Amino acid sequence: MASITALLHTENDGLRLGRALETLYACDDILVVDHGSRDFTVRIAHEYGARVVEASAGFAQQDYLQFARAGWILILDPRESLTEKLAASLFEWKSESLQACGSGPAFSVFLREETAQGWIEVSAPQTRLVPLNWRFWNGRFPVQETSARALEGEVLRFVFP
């Protein structure tokens, strides 16, 4: 069975981090890389059972993967949450080992973003679930993988606390 480490980078995200962590029940491990928060971000992360690693100058994204305890990495921003449907898709993916179905080296998710006018769908799915040995990064997120299979459900990005 596949296992997933959720990876989030934080900096003074105490007001929104709990909402993100509440939705990660399909993950086997939660790793928070904190970039010098001066609020209660680290305390919130610990309250939800996340492991916290202090960010190190000069570390690239893949350098933090050494702290992961699972074979797959789900990347999430602290302003984002998984829908129940996406969490269910992750449980199904883990139990049925869909990664062995020839669907490519990574998986993508659909994204909906909160705006002042309401929710909008981001047009293309984003690569967010990658194997532990993934080496293609664009900052804190994986580079878009065109062969990535989209999982059912969505990531919700909240703009307002």
C-alpha atoms as a PDB file:
ATOM      1  CA  MET A   1       0.000   0.000   0.000  1.00  0.00           C
ATOM      2  CA  ALA A   2       1.268   3.468  -0.859  1.00  0.00           C
ATOM      3  CA  SER A   3       1.876   6.006   1.893  1.00  0.00           C
ATOM      4  CA  ILE A   4       1.783   9.798   1.712  1.00  0.00           C
ATOM      5  CA  THR A   5       3.659  12.575   3.481  1.00  0.00           C
ATOM      6  CA  ALA A   6       1.903  15.938   3.249  1.00  0.00           C
ATOM      7  CA  LEU A   7       4.451  18.734   2.901  1.00  0.00           C
ATOM      8  CA  LEU A   8       3.615  22.352   3.727  1.00  0.00           C
ATOM      9  CA  HIS A   9       5.870  25.397   3.958  1.00  0.00           C
ATOM     10  CA  THR A  10       4.766  27.962   6.546  1.00  0.00           C
ATOM     11  CA  GLU A  11       5.614  31.445   7.719  1.00  0.00           C
ATOM     12  CA  ASN A  12       3.213  33.132  10.128  1.00  0.00           C
ATOM     13  CA  ASP A  13       0.300  30.987   8.939  1.00  0.00           C
ATOM     14  CA  GLY A  14      -1.218  30.333  12.353  1.00  0.00           C
ATOM     15  CA  LEU A  15      -4.636  31.714  11.350  1.00  0.00           C
ATOM     16  CA  ARG A  16      -5.089  29.370   8.407  1.00  0.00           C
ATOM     17  CA  LEU A  17      -2.885  26.327   9.032  1.00  0.00           C
ATOM     18  CA  GLY A  18      -5.415  24.413  11.143  1.00  0.00           C
ATOM     19  CA  ARG A  19      -7.959  24.407   8.306  1.00  0.00           C
ATOM     20  CA  ALA A  20      -5.371  22.859   5.959  1.00  0.00           C
ATOM     21  CA  LEU A  21      -4.183  20.250   8.466  1.00  0.00           C
ATOM     22  CA  GLU A  22      -7.741  19.161   9.330  1.00  0.00           C
ATOM     23  CA  THR A  23      -8.216  17.900   5.785  1.00  0.00           C
ATOM     24  CA  LEU A  24      -5.047  15.787   5.586  1.00  0.00           C
ATOM     25  CA  TYR A  25      -6.510  12.684   7.252  1.00  0.00           C
ATOM     26  CA  ALA A  26      -5.689  10.598   4.160  1.00  0.00           C
ATOM     27  CA  CYS A  27      -1.984  11.293   4.698  1.00  0.00           C
ATOM     28  CA  ASP A  28       0.206   9.034   6.815  1.00  0.00           C
ATOM     29  CA  ASP A  29       2.611  11.785   7.809  1.00  0.00           C
ATOM     30  CA  ILE A  30       2.531  15.589   7.898  1.00  0.00           C
ATOM     31  CA  LEU A  31       5.727  17.583   7.555  1.00  0.00           C
ATOM     32  CA  VAL A  32       5.722  21.339   8.067  1.00  0.00           C
ATOM     33  CA  VAL A  33       8.783  23.311   7.006  1.00  0.00           C
ATOM     34  CA  ASP A  34       8.642  26.535   8.961  1.00  0.00           C
ATOM     35  CA  HIS A  35      10.375  29.632   7.656  1.00  0.00           C
ATOM     36  CA  GLY A  36      10.783  31.570  10.910  1.00  0.00           C
ATOM     37  CA  SER A  37       7.189  32.056  12.024  1.00  0.00           C
ATOM     38  CA  ARG A  38       6.767  34.558  14.818  1.00  0.00           C
ATOM     39  CA  ASP A  39       3.138  33.702  15.540  1.00  0.00           C
ATOM     40  CA  PHE A  40       1.574  30.455  16.777  1.00  0.00           C
ATOM     41  CA  THR A  41       2.089  28.502  13.508  1.00  0.00           C
ATOM     42  CA  VAL A  42       4.453  25.932  15.022  1.00  0.00           C
ATOM     43  CA  ARG A  43       2.149  25.334  18.000  1.00  0.00           C
ATOM     44  CA  ILE A  44      -0.826  24.740  15.665  1.00  0.00           C
ATOM     45  CA  ALA A  45       1.242  22.333  13.565  1.00  0.00           C
ATOM     46  CA  HIS A  46       2.170  20.319  16.651  1.00  0.00           C
ATOM     47  CA  GLU A  47      -1.450  20.302  17.886  1.00  0.00           C
ATOM     48  CA  TYR A  48      -2.438  18.556  14.641  1.00  0.00           C
ATOM     49  CA  GLY A  49       0.351  16.004  14.966  1.00  0.00           C
ATOM     50  CA  ALA A  50       2.612  17.476  12.301  1.00  0.00           C
ATOM     51  CA  ARG A  51       6.360  17.230  12.499  1.00  0.00           C
ATOM     52  CA  VAL A  52       8.032  20.634  12.168  1.00  0.00           C
ATOM     53  CA  VAL A  53      11.424  21.240  10.588  1.00  0.00           C
ATOM     54  CA  GLU A  54      13.009  24.674  10.556  1.00  0.00           C
ATOM     55  CA  ALA A  55      13.798  25.920   7.068  1.00  0.00           C
ATOM     56  CA  SER A  56      17.486  26.099   6.246  1.00  0.00           C
ATOM     57  CA  ALA A  57      19.088  28.731   4.049  1.00  0.00           C
ATOM     58  CA  GLY A  58      20.274  27.240   0.806  1.00  0.00           C
ATOM     59  CA  PHE A  59      18.007  24.177   0.970  1.00  0.00           C
ATOM     60  CA  ALA A  60      16.186  23.359  -2.260  1.00  0.00           C
ATOM     61  CA  GLN A  61      12.721  21.792  -2.104  1.00  0.00           C
ATOM     62  CA  GLN A  62      14.052  18.286  -2.677  1.00  0.00           C
ATOM     63  CA  ASP A  63      16.427  18.694   0.298  1.00  0.00           C
ATOM     64  CA  TYR A  64      13.417  18.677   2.644  1.00  0.00           C
ATOM     65  CA  LEU A  65      12.246  15.337   1.273  1.00  0.00           C
ATOM     66  CA  GLN A  66      14.877  13.642   3.427  1.00  0.00           C
ATOM     67  CA  PHE A  67      12.539  14.284   6.375  1.00  0.00           C
ATOM     68  CA  ALA A  68       9.548  12.553   4.733  1.00  0.00           C
ATOM     69  CA  ARG A  69       8.445   9.202   6.127  1.00  0.00           C
ATOM     70  CA  ALA A  70       6.367   8.061   3.155  1.00  0.00           C
ATOM     71  CA  GLY A  71       7.035   7.102  -0.438  1.00  0.00           C
ATOM     72  CA  TRP A  72       4.810   9.798  -1.956  1.00  0.00           C
ATOM     73  CA  ILE A  73       4.684  13.529  -1.253  1.00  0.00           C
ATOM     74  CA  LEU A  74       1.516  15.657  -1.361  1.00  0.00           C
ATOM     75  CA  ILE A  75       2.398  19.336  -1.584  1.00  0.00           C
ATOM     76  CA  LEU A  76      -0.058  21.812  -0.117  1.00  0.00           C
ATOM     77  CA  ASP A  77       0.064  25.510   0.679  1.00  0.00           C
ATOM     78  CA  PRO A  78      -1.149  26.473   4.195  1.00  0.00           C
ATOM     79  CA  ARG A  79      -3.958  28.493   2.534  1.00  0.00           C
ATOM     80  CA  GLU A  80      -5.277  25.328   0.880  1.00  0.00           C
ATOM     81  CA  SER A  81      -7.481  22.444   1.976  1.00  0.00           C
ATOM     82  CA  LEU A  82      -8.526  19.152   0.440  1.00  0.00           C
ATOM     83  CA  THR A  83     -12.162  18.528  -0.363  1.00  0.00           C
ATOM     84  CA  GLU A  84     -13.694  15.354   1.074  1.00  0.00           C
ATOM     85  CA  LYS A  85     -13.809  13.959  -2.455  1.00  0.00           C
ATOM     86  CA  LEU A  86     -10.073  14.470  -2.934  1.00  0.00           C
ATOM     87  CA  ALA A  87      -9.337  12.901   0.462  1.00  0.00           C
ATOM     88  CA  ALA A  88     -11.476   9.912  -0.567  1.00  0.00           C
ATOM     89  CA  SER A  89      -9.567   9.698  -3.862  1.00  0.00           C
ATOM     90  CA  LEU A  90      -6.309   9.594  -1.937  1.00  0.00           C
ATOM     91  CA  PHE A  91      -7.600   6.774   0.291  1.00  0.00           C
ATOM     92  CA  GLU A  92      -8.711   4.873  -2.805  1.00  0.00           C
ATOM     93  CA  TRP A  93      -5.402   5.526  -4.548  1.00  0.00           C
ATOM     94  CA  LYS A  94      -3.498   4.233  -1.536  1.00  0.00           C
ATOM     95  CA  SER A  95      -5.608   1.110  -1.073  1.00  0.00           C
ATOM     96  CA  GLU A  96      -5.789   0.137  -4.717  1.00  0.00           C
ATOM     97  CA  SER A  97      -2.233   1.189  -5.579  1.00  0.00           C
ATOM     98  CA  LEU A  98      -3.399   3.158  -8.608  1.00  0.00           C
ATOM     99  CA  GLN A  99       0.182   4.346  -9.039  1.00  0.00           C
ATOM    100  CA  ALA A 100       0.897   0.970 -10.668  1.00  0.00           C
ATOM    101  CA  CYS A 101      -1.714   1.548 -13.386  1.00  0.00           C
ATOM    102  CA  GLY A 102       0.654   3.117 -15.908  1.00  0.00           C
ATOM    103  CA  SER A 103      -0.632   6.596 -15.176  1.00  0.00           C
ATOM    104  CA  GLY A 104       2.736   8.338 -15.142  1.00  0.00           C
ATOM    105  CA  PRO A 105       5.210   9.374 -12.491  1.00  0.00           C
ATOM    106  CA  ALA A 106       2.978  11.881 -10.698  1.00  0.00           C
ATOM    107  CA  PHE A 107      -0.613  12.871 -10.028  1.00  0.00           C
ATOM    108  CA  SER A 108      -2.364  16.183 -10.351  1.00  0.00           C
ATOM    109  CA  VAL A 109      -5.337  17.817  -8.657  1.00  0.00           C
ATOM    110  CA  PHE A 110      -7.891  20.400  -9.681  1.00  0.00           C
ATOM    111  CA  LEU A 111      -7.833  23.704  -7.847  1.00  0.00           C
ATOM    112  CA  ARG A 112     -10.625  26.117  -6.900  1.00  0.00           C
ATOM    113  CA  GLU A 113      -9.706  29.540  -5.596  1.00  0.00           C
ATOM    114  CA  GLU A 114     -11.690  31.870  -3.391  1.00  0.00           C
ATOM    115  CA  THR A 115     -12.117  35.394  -4.740  1.00  0.00           C
ATOM    116  CA  ALA A 116     -14.131  38.417  -3.624  1.00  0.00           C
ATOM    117  CA  GLN A 117     -16.689  37.466  -6.322  1.00  0.00           C
ATOM    118  CA  GLY A 118     -16.888  33.808  -5.276  1.00  0.00           C
ATOM    119  CA  TRP A 119     -15.083  30.609  -6.176  1.00  0.00           C
ATOM    120  CA  ILE A 120     -13.328  30.129  -9.506  1.00  0.00           C
ATOM    121  CA  GLU A 121     -11.835  26.998 -11.024  1.00  0.00           C
ATOM    122  CA  VAL A 122      -8.215  27.137 -12.094  1.00  0.00           C
ATOM    123  CA  SER A 123      -8.212  25.808 -15.646  1.00  0.00           C
ATOM    124  CA  ALA A 124      -5.520  23.140 -15.635  1.00  0.00           C
ATOM    125  CA  PRO A 125      -4.901  20.561 -12.897  1.00  0.00           C
ATOM    126  CA  GLN A 126      -1.693  21.051 -10.933  1.00  0.00           C
ATOM    127  CA  THR A 127       0.880  18.357 -10.203  1.00  0.00           C
ATOM    128  CA  ARG A 128       0.778  17.931  -6.429  1.00  0.00           C
ATOM    129  CA  LEU A 129       1.360  14.229  -5.638  1.00  0.00           C
ATOM    130  CA  VAL A 130       4.849  13.050  -6.533  1.00  0.00           C
ATOM    131  CA  PRO A 131       7.133  10.177  -5.552  1.00  0.00           C
ATOM    132  CA  LEU A 132       9.756  10.744  -2.879  1.00  0.00           C
ATOM    133  CA  ASN A 133      12.534  10.779  -5.477  1.00  0.00           C
ATOM    134  CA  TRP A 134      10.935  13.613  -7.512  1.00  0.00           C
ATOM    135  CA  ARG A 135      13.586  16.026  -8.758  1.00  0.00           C
ATOM    136  CA  PHE A 136      11.625  18.578 -10.826  1.00  0.00           C
ATOM    137  CA  TRP A 137      10.561  21.589  -8.771  1.00  0.00           C
ATOM    138  CA  ASN A 138       9.381  25.116  -9.433  1.00  0.00           C
ATOM    139  CA  GLY A 139      10.025  26.702  -6.066  1.00  0.00           C
ATOM    140  CA  ARG A 140       8.009  24.852  -3.439  1.00  0.00           C
ATOM    141  CA  PHE A 141       5.752  23.069  -5.931  1.00  0.00           C
ATOM    142  CA  PRO A 142       6.439  20.306  -8.460  1.00  0.00           C
ATOM    143  CA  VAL A 143       6.952  21.253 -12.080  1.00  0.00           C
ATOM    144  CA  GLN A 144       3.819  20.557 -14.112  1.00  0.00           C
ATOM    145  CA  GLU A 145       3.944  16.965 -15.383  1.00  0.00           C
ATOM    146  CA  THR A 146       1.863  16.665 -18.538  1.00  0.00           C
ATOM    147  CA  SER A 147       1.445  12.908 -18.129  1.00  0.00           C
ATOM    148  CA  ALA A 148       0.165  13.252 -14.533  1.00  0.00           C
ATOM    149  CA  ARG A 149      -3.206  11.639 -13.986  1.00  0.00           C
ATOM    150  CA  ALA A 150      -5.765  13.901 -12.285  1.00  0.00           C
ATOM    151  CA  LEU A 151      -7.291  12.629  -9.063  1.00  0.00           C
ATOM    152  CA  GLU A 152     -10.974  13.216  -8.368  1.00  0.00           C
ATOM    153  CA  GLY A 153     -11.784  16.058  -6.012  1.00  0.00           C
ATOM    154  CA  GLU A 154     -10.237  19.460  -5.560  1.00  0.00           C
ATOM    155  CA  VAL A 155      -7.861  21.559  -3.548  1.00  0.00           C
ATOM    156  CA  LEU A 156      -9.529  24.699  -2.241  1.00  0.00           C
ATOM    157  CA  ARG A 157      -7.341  27.796  -1.960  1.00  0.00           C
ATOM    158  CA  PHE A 158      -8.608  30.306   0.564  1.00  0.00           C
ATOM    159  CA  VAL A 159      -7.588  33.923   0.075  1.00  0.00           C
ATOM    160  CA  PHE A 160      -9.326  35.286   3.149  1.00  0.00           C
ATOM    161  CA  PRO A 161      -8.379  34.068   6.667  1.00  0.00           C
END
